[in-house]
């Protein structure tokens, strides 16, 4: 009777051990799946960030090019403005000379 009782307890312990091992395995699987999903999410977010960074670099480059062309345009306009100013000064001087000559 004692041997039978001992055998029954041992069987129960083996069943419990099996159940615990299955639970541990299930928890490990869940943890691994969660880690994979987390890593996939990080990878996806990194890829989105890289695309956004690249777009920002392109926009910066475009803006730098635009600024450069605007600076050249400003220099061109300044240069063109000085030419009429110089001609106007020369005309004023000539007119002044003519007026002096006429007054004499």
Protein backbone atom coordinates (compact mmCIF):
# COMPACT_ATOMS: atom_id res chain seq x y z
CA UNK A 1 0.00 0.00 0.00
CA UNK A 2 2.84 2.36 0.92
CA UNK A 3 4.66 1.56 -2.33
CA UNK A 4 1.50 2.27 -4.30
CA UNK A 5 1.06 5.58 -2.49
CA UNK A 6 4.68 6.47 -3.13
CA UNK A 7 4.32 5.61 -6.80
CA UNK A 8 1.20 7.80 -7.02
CA UNK A 9 3.02 10.75 -5.43
CA UNK A 10 5.96 10.27 -7.79
CA UNK A 11 3.60 10.23 -10.78
CA UNK A 12 1.96 13.42 -9.55
CA UNK A 13 5.36 15.03 -9.14
CA UNK A 14 6.38 13.98 -12.66
CA UNK A 15 3.13 15.40 -14.06
CA UNK A 16 3.66 18.64 -12.14
CA UNK A 17 7.25 18.82 -13.37
CA UNK A 18 6.06 18.30 -16.95
CA UNK A 19 3.42 21.00 -16.53
CA UNK A 20 5.96 23.44 -15.12
CA UNK A 21 8.37 22.71 -17.99
CA UNK A 22 5.57 23.36 -20.52
CA UNK A 23 4.73 26.64 -18.79
CA UNK A 24 8.39 27.68 -18.76
CA UNK A 25 8.67 26.83 -22.45
CA UNK A 26 5.49 28.80 -23.23
CA UNK A 27 6.80 31.81 -21.28
CA UNK A 28 10.14 31.62 -23.11
CA UNK A 29 8.32 31.51 -26.45
CA UNK A 30 6.20 34.53 -25.48
CA UNK A 31 9.27 36.43 -24.30
CA UNK A 32 11.16 35.63 -27.51
CA UNK A 33 8.17 36.70 -29.59
CA UNK A 34 7.89 39.97 -27.62
CA UNK A 35 11.63 40.61 -28.05
CA UNK A 36 11.35 39.96 -31.80
CA UNK A 37 8.37 42.30 -32.13
CA UNK A 38 10.22 44.94 -30.12
CA UNK A 39 13.33 44.59 -32.30
CA UNK A 40 11.20 44.73 -35.47
CA UNK A 41 9.54 47.92 -34.21
CA UNK A 42 12.94 49.47 -33.44
CA UNK A 43 14.23 48.51 -36.90
CA UNK A 44 11.15 49.97 -38.59
CA UNK A 45 11.43 53.19 -36.59
CA UNK A 46 15.14 53.46 -37.43
CA UNK A 47 14.35 53.05 -41.12
CA UNK A 48 11.69 55.79 -40.92
CA UNK A 49 14.18 58.04 -39.15
CA UNK A 50 16.82 57.40 -41.81
CA UNK A 51 14.34 58.32 -44.56
CA UNK A 52 13.37 61.48 -42.67
CA UNK A 53 17.02 62.39 -42.07
CA UNK A 54 17.78 61.92 -45.77
CA UNK A 55 14.81 64.14 -46.69
CA UNK A 56 16.10 66.80 -44.28
CA UNK A 57 19.59 66.61 -45.79
CA UNK A 58 18.11 67.06 -49.26
CA UNK A 59 16.03 70.03 -48.09
CA UNK A 60 19.07 71.62 -46.43
CA UNK A 61 21.08 71.13 -49.61
CA UNK A 62 18.28 72.64 -51.68
CA UNK A 63 18.01 75.62 -49.33
CA UNK A 64 21.79 76.14 -49.37
CA UNK A 65 21.69 76.15 -53.17
CA UNK A 66 18.77 78.61 -53.12
CA UNK A 67 20.59 80.91 -50.67
CA UNK A 68 23.72 80.78 -52.81
CA UNK A 69 21.78 81.70 -55.94
CA UNK A 70 20.03 84.52 -54.04
CA UNK A 71 23.40 85.89 -52.91
CA UNK A 72 24.61 85.87 -56.50
CA UNK A 73 21.42 87.64 -57.60
CA UNK A 74 21.88 90.28 -54.89
CA UNK A 75 25.48 90.87 -55.99
CA UNK A 76 24.32 91.13 -59.61
CA UNK A 77 21.60 93.64 -58.66
CA UNK A 78 24.06 95.69 -56.60
CA UNK A 79 26.45 95.76 -59.54
CA UNK A 80 23.69 96.80 -61.95
CA UNK A 81 22.54 99.50 -59.51
CA UNK A 82 26.02 101.00 -59.32
CA UNK A 83 26.30 101.40 -63.11
CA UNK A 84 23.28 103.76 -63.44
CA UNK A 85 24.37 105.59 -60.29
CA UNK A 86 27.81 106.19 -61.82
CA UNK A 87 26.24 107.35 -65.11
CA UNK A 88 23.90 109.65 -63.19
CA UNK A 89 26.82 111.14 -61.27
CA UNK A 90 28.72 111.72 -64.51
CA UNK A 91 25.65 113.38 -66.07
CA UNK A 92 25.22 115.60 -63.00
CA UNK A 93 28.86 116.62 -63.21
CA UNK A 94 28.56 117.38 -66.91
CA UNK A 95 25.40 119.39 -66.27
CA UNK A 96 27.14 121.24 -63.48
CA UNK A 97 30.03 122.08 -65.80
CA UNK A 98 27.61 123.26 -68.49
CA UNK A 99 25.74 125.43 -66.00
CA UNK A 100 29.02 126.95 -64.77
CA UNK A 101 30.04 127.61 -68.34
CA UNK A 102 26.65 129.17 -69.15
CA UNK A 103 26.69 131.37 -66.06
CA UNK A 104 30.09 132.80 -66.90
